[in-house]
Amino acid sequence: LAHQLAEVNRHFSTIDVNFQADTITALPAGDEVVVTREHRDLLGRDRYTRKVVHCFVIGNLFNVDEPGEIRGVHWRDRKARSHHWVVLAKTAGRDDWVLAHEIGHFFGLPHSRYPISIMNKRPRTKPDPAIRTFAKPEQRRMRARLRRYLKTKELVPTVAGNSK
């Protein structure tokens, strides 16, 4: 998680945002594998709070649209659409960009076709994966979403080492 978080901060530094782990709580054993939409809803429904981006790290995360596993998802509770969180499978640790990609969705980004973008899921060799990040139009969109989140207090700024 520390490596993923460092990558998130590298990518989000383009919009002057930095994330920190605030509280780490073990999930019940039944939440280790997430298979259905209902389970995704229940994972965060009673744990959701405003002011932070919740990220649940689990063992296995299954695709609800087609067979197979995925490494991460940004999920909105189907009963309370304004409540949303990120679910990260332990297998995401192999790919530096997964958590940053999912938080990109949290900030309103769809999948894209920008070659530079980590929101582009298409296989490609250029540009080199080490220099991929958010495209300039995506950065503008995330800044606008950040302003909205701060205005509505969905997210709140913190001073390093002093969570609110």
Protein backbone atom coordinates (compact mmCIF):
# COMPACT_ATOMS: atom_id res chain seq x y z
CA LEU A 1 0.00 0.00 0.00
CA ALA A 2 2.85 2.40 0.76
CA HIS A 3 4.21 2.02 -2.78
CA GLN A 4 0.75 2.52 -4.30
CA LEU A 5 0.22 5.62 -2.13
CA ALA A 6 3.58 7.06 -3.21
CA GLU A 7 2.50 6.60 -6.83
CA VAL A 8 -0.86 8.26 -6.13
CA ASN A 9 0.97 11.26 -4.70
CA ARG A 10 3.32 11.41 -7.67
CA HIS A 11 0.41 11.52 -10.11
CA PHE A 12 -1.78 13.86 -8.05
CA SER A 13 1.04 16.31 -7.42
CA THR A 14 0.10 17.75 -10.84
CA ILE A 15 -3.02 19.21 -9.19
CA ASP A 16 -1.29 19.99 -5.87
CA VAL A 17 -2.99 17.16 -3.97
CA ASN A 18 -1.26 14.78 -1.59
CA PHE A 19 -2.81 11.78 0.15
CA GLN A 20 -1.84 10.09 3.40
CA ALA A 21 -2.99 6.93 5.11
CA ASP A 22 -4.95 8.02 8.16
CA THR A 23 -6.47 4.91 9.69
CA ILE A 24 -5.87 1.29 8.81
CA THR A 25 -8.47 -1.15 10.07
CA ALA A 26 -8.62 -4.86 9.32
CA LEU A 27 -11.79 -5.92 7.54
CA PRO A 28 -13.77 -8.97 8.71
CA ALA A 29 -12.76 -12.25 7.06
CA GLY A 30 -15.98 -12.27 5.02
CA ASP A 31 -14.84 -9.13 3.19
CA GLU A 32 -11.62 -10.66 1.87
CA VAL A 33 -13.24 -11.69 -1.42
CA VAL A 34 -15.69 -9.37 -3.21
CA VAL A 35 -17.71 -10.99 -5.98
CA THR A 36 -21.05 -9.18 -6.40
CA ARG A 37 -22.40 -5.64 -6.71
CA GLU A 38 -24.19 -6.18 -3.40
CA HIS A 39 -20.94 -7.07 -1.69
CA ARG A 40 -19.30 -3.91 -3.08
CA ASP A 41 -22.20 -1.88 -1.67
CA LEU A 42 -21.99 -3.55 1.73
CA LEU A 43 -18.21 -3.22 1.90
CA GLY A 44 -18.41 0.55 2.28
CA ARG A 45 -22.02 1.31 3.17
CA ASP A 46 -21.62 1.31 6.96
CA ARG A 47 -18.03 2.53 6.83
CA TYR A 48 -18.46 5.53 4.55
CA THR A 49 -17.81 9.00 5.94
CA ARG A 50 -17.28 12.33 4.29
CA LYS A 51 -13.94 14.18 4.39
CA VAL A 52 -11.75 11.29 3.22
CA VAL A 53 -11.22 8.90 0.32
CA HIS A 54 -11.92 5.43 1.67
CA CYS A 55 -9.80 2.66 0.18
CA PHE A 56 -10.57 -0.95 1.04
CA VAL A 57 -7.75 -3.40 0.36
CA ILE A 58 -9.04 -6.93 -0.08
CA GLY A 59 -7.73 -10.30 -1.23
CA ASN A 60 -9.69 -10.83 -4.44
CA LEU A 61 -11.96 -8.54 -6.42
CA PHE A 62 -14.15 -10.00 -9.14
CA ASN A 63 -15.45 -8.20 -12.20
CA VAL A 64 -19.24 -7.87 -11.95
CA ASP A 65 -19.70 -7.43 -15.71
CA GLU A 66 -17.74 -10.37 -17.09
CA PRO A 67 -15.89 -13.40 -15.72
CA GLY A 68 -12.54 -12.80 -14.06
CA GLU A 69 -10.76 -10.79 -11.43
CA ILE A 70 -9.78 -7.15 -11.49
CA ARG A 71 -7.21 -5.20 -9.47
CA GLY A 72 -9.30 -2.21 -8.45
CA VAL A 73 -12.57 -0.35 -8.78
CA HIS A 74 -14.11 2.98 -7.85
CA TRP A 75 -17.55 2.10 -6.52
CA ARG A 76 -20.70 4.12 -5.79
CA ASP A 77 -23.20 2.73 -3.32
CA ARG A 78 -26.28 1.95 -5.38
CA LYS A 79 -28.60 3.17 -2.59
CA ALA A 80 -26.68 6.39 -1.87
CA ARG A 81 -24.90 7.43 -5.10
CA SER A 82 -23.03 10.28 -3.39
CA HIS A 83 -21.26 7.69 -1.20
CA HIS A 84 -18.29 6.25 -3.03
CA TRP A 85 -15.00 4.54 -2.30
CA VAL A 86 -12.13 2.64 -3.86
CA VAL A 87 -11.64 -1.11 -3.60
CA LEU A 88 -8.12 -2.37 -4.25
CA ALA A 89 -7.20 -6.04 -4.60
CA LYS A 90 -3.89 -7.17 -3.12
CA THR A 91 -2.84 -8.14 -6.65
CA ALA A 92 -2.80 -4.41 -7.54
CA GLY A 93 0.58 -4.13 -5.85
CA ARG A 94 2.17 -5.40 -9.05
CA ASP A 95 0.95 -2.39 -11.02
CA ASP A 96 2.09 1.02 -9.79
CA TRP A 97 -0.82 2.93 -11.27
CA VAL A 98 -3.92 1.01 -10.11
CA LEU A 99 -4.75 3.05 -6.99
CA ALA A 100 -4.02 6.34 -8.81
CA HIS A 101 -6.27 5.19 -11.68
CA GLU A 102 -9.14 4.39 -9.31
CA ILE A 103 -8.77 7.66 -7.42
CA GLY A 104 -8.83 9.31 -10.85
CA HIS A 105 -12.33 7.83 -11.19
CA PHE A 106 -13.13 9.14 -7.69
CA PHE A 107 -12.22 12.59 -9.06
CA GLY A 108 -14.63 12.17 -11.96
CA LEU A 109 -12.40 10.84 -14.72
CA PRO A 110 -13.68 8.24 -17.19
CA HIS A 111 -11.41 5.89 -19.10
CA SER A 112 -9.61 7.82 -21.81
CA ARG A 113 -7.71 7.50 -25.05
CA TYR A 114 -4.92 9.93 -24.20
CA PRO A 115 -1.70 7.95 -24.79
CA ILE A 116 -0.02 9.59 -21.76
CA SER A 117 -2.92 8.86 -19.41
CA ILE A 118 -3.07 6.24 -16.70
CA MET A 119 -6.84 6.37 -17.32
CA ASN A 120 -6.22 4.77 -20.73
CA LYS A 121 -6.52 1.00 -20.28
CA ARG A 122 -5.59 0.11 -23.86
CA PRO A 123 -2.39 -1.88 -24.33
CA ARG A 124 0.35 0.34 -25.76
CA THR A 125 4.11 0.61 -25.74
CA LYS A 126 4.40 4.41 -26.02
CA PRO A 127 4.82 6.49 -24.09
CA ASP A 128 6.92 4.51 -21.67
CA PRO A 129 4.81 3.42 -18.66
CA ALA A 130 7.23 5.18 -16.31
CA ILE A 131 6.23 8.61 -17.66
CA ARG A 132 2.48 8.05 -17.97
CA THR A 133 0.31 10.23 -15.78
CA PHE A 134 -2.90 12.25 -16.12
CA ALA A 135 -3.35 14.18 -19.36
CA LYS A 136 -3.67 17.98 -19.10
CA PRO A 137 -7.46 17.97 -19.79
CA GLU A 138 -7.87 15.32 -17.07
CA GLN A 139 -5.90 17.47 -14.65
CA ARG A 140 -8.25 20.41 -15.33
CA ARG A 141 -11.27 18.20 -14.73
CA MET A 142 -9.81 16.87 -11.47
CA ARG A 143 -9.05 20.41 -10.25
CA ALA A 144 -12.68 21.36 -10.84
CA ARG A 145 -13.88 18.27 -8.97
CA LEU A 146 -11.46 19.01 -6.14
CA ARG A 147 -12.89 22.53 -5.79
CA ARG A 148 -16.38 21.04 -5.59
CA TYR A 149 -15.32 18.43 -3.03
CA LEU A 150 -13.70 21.10 -0.85
CA LYS A 151 -16.70 23.44 -1.14
CA THR A 152 -19.16 20.70 -0.13
CA LYS A 153 -16.73 19.28 2.45
CA GLU A 154 -16.78 15.86 0.85
CA LEU A 155 -13.02 16.15 1.23
CA VAL A 156 -11.18 18.43 3.63
CA PRO A 157 -7.57 19.55 3.62
CA THR A 158 -5.30 18.36 6.37
CA VAL A 159 -1.96 19.53 7.65
CA ALA A 160 0.71 16.83 7.29
CA GLY A 161 0.65 14.66 10.39
CA ASN A 162 -2.58 16.27 11.62
CA SER A 163 -5.65 14.53 10.20
CA LYS A 164 -9.06 16.14 10.60
